[in-house]
Amino acid sequence: MLLYGSAILRTVRELISLLCGQSDDVPLDLAALQIASVEYPDLNPAHSLRTLDGHAAALAERLGGNTQGTEFVATANEYFFDELGFTGNDADYYNPRNSCLNQVLETRTGIPITLAVIYMEVARRLGRPVYGIGLPGHFVVRYDDGRFSTYIDVFGRGTLLTTERCRDLALQASGVDVFQNPELLHPMAKRQIAVRMLNNLRNVYFSRRAHQKAVPVLDLLITAAPDSAEEYRQRGLLNAELKRYGGARQDFEAYLRLSPTAQDRAEVERQLVLLRSRLASLN
């Protein structure tokens, strides 16, 4: 059950199509901007898309017609990180703006995944093979044209990475050894990247107790994974706190249906008794 109003539903229809697996043709930049509309409801993606177009055109002017992969990466890194000054936002990492592509394009600071989307989408406009790599705790990109391949740390101002250095970054960020699961070094699908961006935004809103904004993020995560019990539990708790008792009841019922042996079942059932009582008193 999506809680979005009809206007917002129209705004994110391509994103919903991507999350539902209905279409893989949705551009990643558009999906990312529609995610940003949770924080910026009046966001018009057109301006940000034109900015990406402009960056692609400016980078193309710096490249020759038959530029090899090594030269492309060097030129792109010089343009993005030296000339434009894109950088990781260490000072205010958990600000929701860092998860919003429109703001990262404006401020040129962000978290790894939004900086990566910018790099990937400019490269896509130029027909260059740059892919998102979802290392645990640290998102990077990979350039791979079959002749030249390298991982790039966009949060670290374009540092080139070996697989061993990727392993070190993941171990440092999350304690996960990617060599034990090599698929973690493979490119992520657009849908996976969108879900990861939503999870980042959810975590930021939870940490800031921005419950009103966390609910639509959970709506979208449930759209992406309708059988995931935990998202229903979280949304039920938020709806109850926001006094949306009907929605909270439905979420808790869905949670117990999807996770019948949940360890907190007794507590959730007590919550349901209270919610039904409150709803009855309103009738």
Foldseek 3Di string as FASTA:
>chain_A
DFPDDPVLCVQQVLLLCLLLVVDLPRQLLSNLQNLLCLVVVPDDCPVVVVLLVVLLVVLVVVDDPPDDPVVSLVSLLCCLCVVVNQAEDPPCALDLLLLHLVSCSVVSYHAQLSLLSSSVSSCVVVVFDKFWQQQAQAIWIWGCPPPDIWIFRVNHSTDTDDVVVSQVVSCVRPVDRCVVPVCSRPGDRSSVSSLVSLVSSLVSCVVVVVLVSNLNSLSSNCSNPVLDLVSLQVNLVSCVVVVVLVSNLVSLVSSCVSPVPDPCNVVSVVVNVVSVVVVVVVD
